[in-house]
């Protein structure tokens, strides 16, 4: 269960081949180096470190409770690489999006999780997967391009139909294999593998909330610094008043930024702060 599937091996092989072709060009190597260099900045490294340590703590607790063991290691690494990090960085970049948490919960309860689990459990032979992946990728790209121009509407209908047929074929193959293997498929380990991704996503919500709250405060304080030359008594006083009003409520920080974002940039003195909060509290 913990070994790589033929689909994962094929995807890794194509990824390495594509990466090798990219790195063979000097201009692309320089661009990739610039992207990698941008990743190693304190804010991004700090967020990555927080995500890693938080999830390591969650896994340790789950292991202590007997819910997690090494059988789930591969699934955990894949979830962290493609879902956990994406959720953390989404919270950092979309702190003002009111749909942030509802979208996480919706993704966790979708019935499509079962379909994805079956499709990733029962795969073709390695040769079949090596052919299937580039075919689907090429078809998806052609479909995307076809939908960008109304003149290619007929081609778009064809590519969309082919994508749907290919998806149904993969799902049908997985379901037929699952039915034949029904006795061994729905074991305790399989159930844990199925519930692991949505479970880890739900358990990540407190950290996602904390990151979104931190970034909301940072947006408030950035507006505040616009009108102040340097950190000083006025800025510290304003920050205390903001924290006392908003506390740990993400909704309050969002509302305060929306209603008073411009006013924060005009603050120059304690009197300006008192005036702003007098209006805010209605005193």
Protein backbone atom coordinates (compact mmCIF):
# COMPACT_ATOMS: atom_id res chain seq x y z
CA UNK A 1 0.00 0.00 0.00
CA UNK A 2 2.87 2.35 0.71
CA UNK A 3 4.64 1.68 -2.61
CA UNK A 4 4.33 4.06 -5.52
CA UNK A 5 1.62 3.18 -8.02
CA UNK A 6 2.40 2.85 -11.72
CA UNK A 7 0.62 6.21 -12.28
CA UNK A 8 2.81 7.95 -9.72
CA UNK A 9 5.94 6.37 -11.23
CA UNK A 10 4.87 7.44 -14.73
CA UNK A 11 4.11 10.99 -13.59
CA UNK A 12 7.49 11.20 -11.87
CA UNK A 13 9.25 9.89 -14.98
CA UNK A 14 7.54 12.42 -17.27
CA UNK A 15 8.17 15.22 -14.78
CA UNK A 16 11.89 14.42 -14.60
CA UNK A 17 12.10 14.20 -18.39
CA UNK A 18 10.31 17.53 -18.80
CA UNK A 19 12.48 19.13 -16.10
CA UNK A 20 15.62 17.84 -17.81
CA UNK A 21 14.53 19.37 -21.12
CA UNK A 22 13.85 22.70 -19.39
CA UNK A 23 17.19 22.72 -17.60
CA UNK A 24 18.99 22.06 -20.89
CA UNK A 25 18.17 25.64 -21.93
CA UNK A 26 20.26 28.34 -20.28
CA UNK A 27 17.56 31.05 -20.22
CA UNK A 28 15.08 28.70 -18.55
CA UNK A 29 17.75 27.59 -16.05
CA UNK A 30 18.31 31.22 -15.07
CA UNK A 31 14.56 31.83 -14.71
CA UNK A 32 14.10 28.72 -12.56
CA UNK A 33 17.04 29.78 -10.42
CA UNK A 34 15.37 33.15 -9.89
CA UNK A 35 12.13 31.44 -8.84
CA UNK A 36 14.01 29.14 -6.47
CA UNK A 37 15.90 32.10 -5.01
CA UNK A 38 12.63 33.95 -4.41
CA UNK A 39 11.38 30.96 -2.40
CA UNK A 40 14.21 31.28 0.12
CA UNK A 41 13.04 34.51 1.69
CA UNK A 42 12.31 34.66 5.44
CA UNK A 43 8.53 35.07 5.08
CA UNK A 44 8.09 32.08 2.76
CA UNK A 45 10.53 29.91 4.69
CA UNK A 46 8.75 30.86 7.91
CA UNK A 47 5.38 29.86 6.49
CA UNK A 48 6.78 26.59 5.15
CA UNK A 49 8.40 25.87 8.51
CA UNK A 50 5.12 26.57 10.34
CA UNK A 51 3.22 24.27 8.00
CA UNK A 52 5.79 21.50 8.37
CA UNK A 53 6.03 21.70 12.16
CA UNK A 54 2.26 21.95 12.63
CA UNK A 55 1.58 18.93 10.44
CA UNK A 56 4.42 16.98 12.04
CA UNK A 57 2.76 17.65 15.39
CA UNK A 58 -0.63 16.53 14.05
CA UNK A 59 0.89 13.31 12.69
CA UNK A 60 2.64 12.66 16.02
CA UNK A 61 -0.67 13.03 17.88
CA UNK A 62 -2.47 10.77 15.40
CA UNK A 63 0.29 8.19 15.72
CA UNK A 64 0.02 8.30 19.52
CA UNK A 65 -3.74 7.71 19.21
CA UNK A 66 -3.10 4.74 16.93
CA UNK A 67 -4.76 6.40 13.92
CA UNK A 68 -1.61 6.93 11.83
CA UNK A 69 1.33 4.66 11.05
CA UNK A 70 4.02 4.26 8.39
CA UNK A 71 1.55 2.66 5.97
CA UNK A 72 0.17 6.18 5.44
CA UNK A 73 3.56 7.86 4.98
CA UNK A 74 3.40 8.13 1.19
CA UNK A 75 -0.17 9.47 1.23
CA UNK A 76 0.80 11.96 3.94
CA UNK A 77 3.80 13.26 1.98
CA UNK A 78 1.72 13.60 -1.19
CA UNK A 79 -1.06 15.42 0.70
CA UNK A 80 1.41 17.83 2.30
CA UNK A 81 3.18 18.51 -1.01
CA UNK A 82 0.09 19.15 -3.12
CA UNK A 83 -2.67 20.13 -0.68
CA UNK A 84 -1.27 21.16 2.69
CA UNK A 85 1.25 23.65 1.32
CA UNK A 86 -1.30 25.00 -1.16
CA UNK A 87 -3.79 25.65 1.67
CA UNK A 88 -1.15 27.42 3.75
CA UNK A 89 0.01 29.67 0.94
CA UNK A 90 -3.58 30.31 -0.11
CA UNK A 91 -4.35 31.53 3.41
CA UNK A 92 -1.35 33.86 3.20
CA UNK A 93 -2.29 35.32 -0.17
CA UNK A 94 -6.09 35.30 0.12
CA UNK A 95 -6.60 36.30 3.75
CA UNK A 96 -9.48 38.59 2.77
CA UNK A 97 -11.37 35.86 0.89
CA UNK A 98 -14.47 35.01 2.94
CA UNK A 99 -14.83 31.73 1.04
CA UNK A 100 -11.45 30.40 2.17
CA UNK A 101 -12.71 28.05 4.87
CA UNK A 102 -15.98 27.04 3.23
CA UNK A 103 -14.06 25.88 0.15
CA UNK A 104 -11.77 23.74 2.33
CA UNK A 105 -14.75 22.07 3.99
CA UNK A 106 -16.52 21.52 0.67
CA UNK A 107 -13.44 19.83 -0.77
CA UNK A 108 -13.29 17.54 2.27
CA UNK A 109 -16.80 16.15 1.91
CA UNK A 110 -17.05 15.71 -1.85
CA UNK A 111 -18.06 12.24 -3.00
CA UNK A 112 -15.43 12.63 -5.74
CA UNK A 113 -12.85 11.72 -3.08
CA UNK A 114 -14.00 8.11 -3.31
CA UNK A 115 -13.68 8.18 -7.10
CA UNK A 116 -10.20 9.72 -6.89
CA UNK A 117 -9.19 7.12 -4.31
CA UNK A 118 -10.29 4.26 -6.57
CA UNK A 119 -8.71 5.82 -9.68
CA UNK A 120 -5.39 6.25 -7.90
CA UNK A 121 -5.51 2.79 -6.32
CA UNK A 122 -6.24 0.81 -9.48
CA UNK A 123 -4.01 1.96 -12.31
CA UNK A 124 -2.85 0.60 -15.65
CA UNK A 125 0.47 -1.09 -16.26
CA UNK A 126 3.51 1.17 -16.25
CA UNK A 127 3.60 1.18 -20.05
CA UNK A 128 -0.07 2.09 -20.21
CA UNK A 129 0.36 4.91 -17.73
CA UNK A 130 3.41 6.25 -19.59
CA UNK A 131 1.21 6.55 -22.68
CA UNK A 132 -1.95 7.71 -20.92
CA UNK A 133 -0.48 10.66 -19.00
CA UNK A 134 1.02 12.61 -21.95
CA UNK A 135 -2.07 11.82 -24.05
CA UNK A 136 -4.41 13.29 -21.42
CA UNK A 137 -2.09 16.25 -20.81
CA UNK A 138 -1.91 17.05 -24.53
CA UNK A 139 -5.67 16.62 -24.92
CA UNK A 140 -6.31 18.94 -21.96
CA UNK A 141 -4.03 21.62 -23.42
CA UNK A 142 -5.70 21.39 -26.85
CA UNK A 143 -9.12 21.58 -25.17
CA UNK A 144 -8.09 24.69 -23.23
CA UNK A 145 -6.79 26.39 -26.38
CA UNK A 146 -9.89 25.41 -28.36
CA UNK A 147 -12.16 27.04 -25.78
CA UNK A 148 -10.30 30.37 -26.02
CA UNK A 149 -11.55 31.10 -29.55
CA UNK A 150 -15.22 30.78 -30.65
CA UNK A 151 -14.00 29.86 -34.13
CA UNK A 152 -12.80 26.54 -32.73
CA UNK A 153 -16.11 25.66 -31.06
CA UNK A 154 -16.48 22.41 -33.02
CA UNK A 155 -12.98 21.31 -32.06
CA UNK A 156 -13.71 22.30 -28.45
CA UNK A 157 -16.79 20.09 -28.36
CA UNK A 158 -14.74 17.19 -29.70
CA UNK A 159 -11.87 17.61 -27.23
CA UNK A 160 -14.27 18.01 -24.32
CA UNK A 161 -16.06 14.82 -25.33
CA UNK A 162 -12.75 12.98 -25.66
CA UNK A 163 -11.62 14.18 -22.22
CA UNK A 164 -14.91 13.06 -20.69
CA UNK A 165 -14.68 9.68 -22.40
CA UNK A 166 -11.10 9.20 -21.24
CA UNK A 167 -12.03 10.16 -17.67
CA UNK A 168 -14.99 7.78 -17.66
CA UNK A 169 -12.79 5.01 -19.06
CA UNK A 170 -10.22 5.47 -16.27
CA UNK A 171 -12.94 5.58 -13.62
CA UNK A 172 -14.76 2.60 -15.13
CA UNK A 173 -11.55 0.58 -15.15
CA UNK A 174 -10.90 1.46 -11.50
CA UNK A 175 -14.46 0.62 -10.41
CA UNK A 176 -14.41 -2.73 -12.23
CA UNK A 177 -11.12 -3.59 -10.53
CA UNK A 178 -12.52 -2.45 -7.18
CA UNK A 179 -15.60 -4.69 -7.58
CA UNK A 180 -13.41 -7.67 -8.39
CA UNK A 181 -11.20 -6.86 -5.41
CA UNK A 182 -14.03 -5.86 -3.09
CA UNK A 183 -13.07 -8.28 -0.35
CA UNK A 184 -9.60 -6.80 0.17
CA UNK A 185 -10.22 -3.21 -0.95
CA UNK A 186 -12.32 -2.01 1.97
CA UNK A 187 -9.89 -2.90 4.71
CA UNK A 188 -9.07 -0.70 7.68
CA UNK A 189 -5.91 0.53 5.92
CA UNK A 190 -7.89 1.43 2.79
CA UNK A 191 -10.44 3.33 4.85
CA UNK A 192 -7.65 5.24 6.58
CA UNK A 193 -6.07 6.08 3.22
CA UNK A 194 -9.42 7.36 1.97
CA UNK A 195 -10.08 9.51 5.05
CA UNK A 196 -6.50 10.75 5.49
CA UNK A 197 -6.52 13.68 2.98
CA UNK A 198 -9.83 15.24 4.10
CA UNK A 199 -8.95 14.55 7.72
CA UNK A 200 -5.57 16.29 7.48
CA UNK A 201 -7.18 19.21 5.62
CA UNK A 202 -9.73 19.69 8.39
CA UNK A 203 -7.05 19.45 11.08
CA UNK A 204 -5.06 22.11 9.20
CA UNK A 205 -7.88 24.66 9.48
CA UNK A 206 -6.66 26.13 12.82
CA UNK A 207 -3.27 26.94 11.28
CA UNK A 208 -4.91 28.25 8.10
CA UNK A 209 -7.03 30.52 10.31
CA UNK A 210 -3.96 31.70 12.22
CA UNK A 211 -2.07 32.45 8.99
CA UNK A 212 -5.05 34.33 7.52
CA UNK A 213 -5.44 36.32 10.76
CA UNK A 214 -1.74 37.19 10.82
CA UNK A 215 -1.82 38.34 7.21
CA UNK A 216 -4.96 40.42 7.86
CA UNK A 217 -3.17 42.19 10.70
CA UNK A 218 -0.13 42.69 8.47
CA UNK A 219 -2.32 44.37 5.86
CA UNK A 220 -3.72 46.67 8.54
CA UNK A 221 -0.27 47.53 9.87
CA UNK A 222 1.08 48.09 6.35
CA UNK A 223 -1.62 50.69 5.75
CA UNK A 224 -0.75 52.27 9.10
CA UNK A 225 2.95 52.58 8.19
CA UNK A 226 2.14 54.53 5.03
CA UNK A 227 1.58 57.74 6.99
CA UNK A 228 4.27 57.17 9.62
CA UNK A 229 7.97 57.56 8.89
CA UNK A 230 9.20 54.91 11.31
CA UNK A 231 8.13 52.68 14.17
CA UNK A 232 7.35 54.89 17.13
CA UNK A 233 4.90 55.63 19.95
CA UNK A 234 2.04 56.51 17.59
CA UNK A 235 2.36 53.30 15.58
CA UNK A 236 2.60 51.17 18.71
CA UNK A 237 -0.41 52.93 20.21
CA UNK A 238 -2.45 52.40 17.04
CA UNK A 239 -1.48 48.72 16.92
CA UNK A 240 -2.59 48.24 20.53
CA UNK A 241 -5.94 49.83 19.75
CA UNK A 242 -6.38 47.67 16.64
CA UNK A 243 -5.50 44.46 18.52
CA UNK A 244 -7.82 45.38 21.41
CA UNK A 245 -10.69 45.91 18.97
CA UNK A 246 -10.18 43.00 16.57
CA UNK A 247 -8.53 40.46 18.91
CA UNK A 248 -8.49 37.03 17.24
CA UNK A 249 -11.52 37.62 15.05
CA UNK A 250 -10.72 37.31 11.35
CA UNK A 251 -14.10 38.82 10.46
CA UNK A 252 -13.32 41.91 12.56
CA UNK A 253 -9.91 42.44 10.98
CA UNK A 254 -11.41 42.07 7.52
CA UNK A 255 -14.21 44.49 8.33
CA UNK A 256 -11.84 47.01 9.93
CA UNK A 257 -9.56 46.92 6.89
CA UNK A 258 -12.50 47.34 4.52
CA UNK A 259 -14.02 50.23 6.46
CA UNK A 260 -10.89 52.04 7.67
CA UNK A 261 -8.07 51.02 5.34
CA UNK A 262 -7.78 54.51 3.86
CA UNK A 263 -8.13 56.25 7.24
CA UNK A 264 -5.20 54.23 8.62
CA UNK A 265 -2.92 55.77 6.00
CA UNK A 266 -3.82 59.27 7.24
CA UNK A 267 -2.81 58.73 10.87
CA UNK A 268 -0.06 61.04 12.10
CA UNK A 269 -0.71 61.38 15.83
CA UNK A 270 -2.39 59.77 18.84
CA UNK A 271 -5.26 62.21 18.36
CA UNK A 272 -5.81 60.80 14.87
CA UNK A 273 -5.92 57.30 16.38
CA UNK A 274 -8.40 58.34 19.05
CA UNK A 275 -10.52 60.09 16.44
CA UNK A 276 -10.58 57.00 14.23
CA UNK A 277 -11.50 54.65 17.04
CA UNK A 278 -14.03 57.10 18.38
CA UNK A 279 -15.83 56.85 15.05
CA UNK A 280 -15.32 53.08 14.88
CA UNK A 281 -16.78 52.38 18.32
CA UNK A 282 -19.41 55.07 17.97
CA UNK A 283 -18.30 56.92 21.09
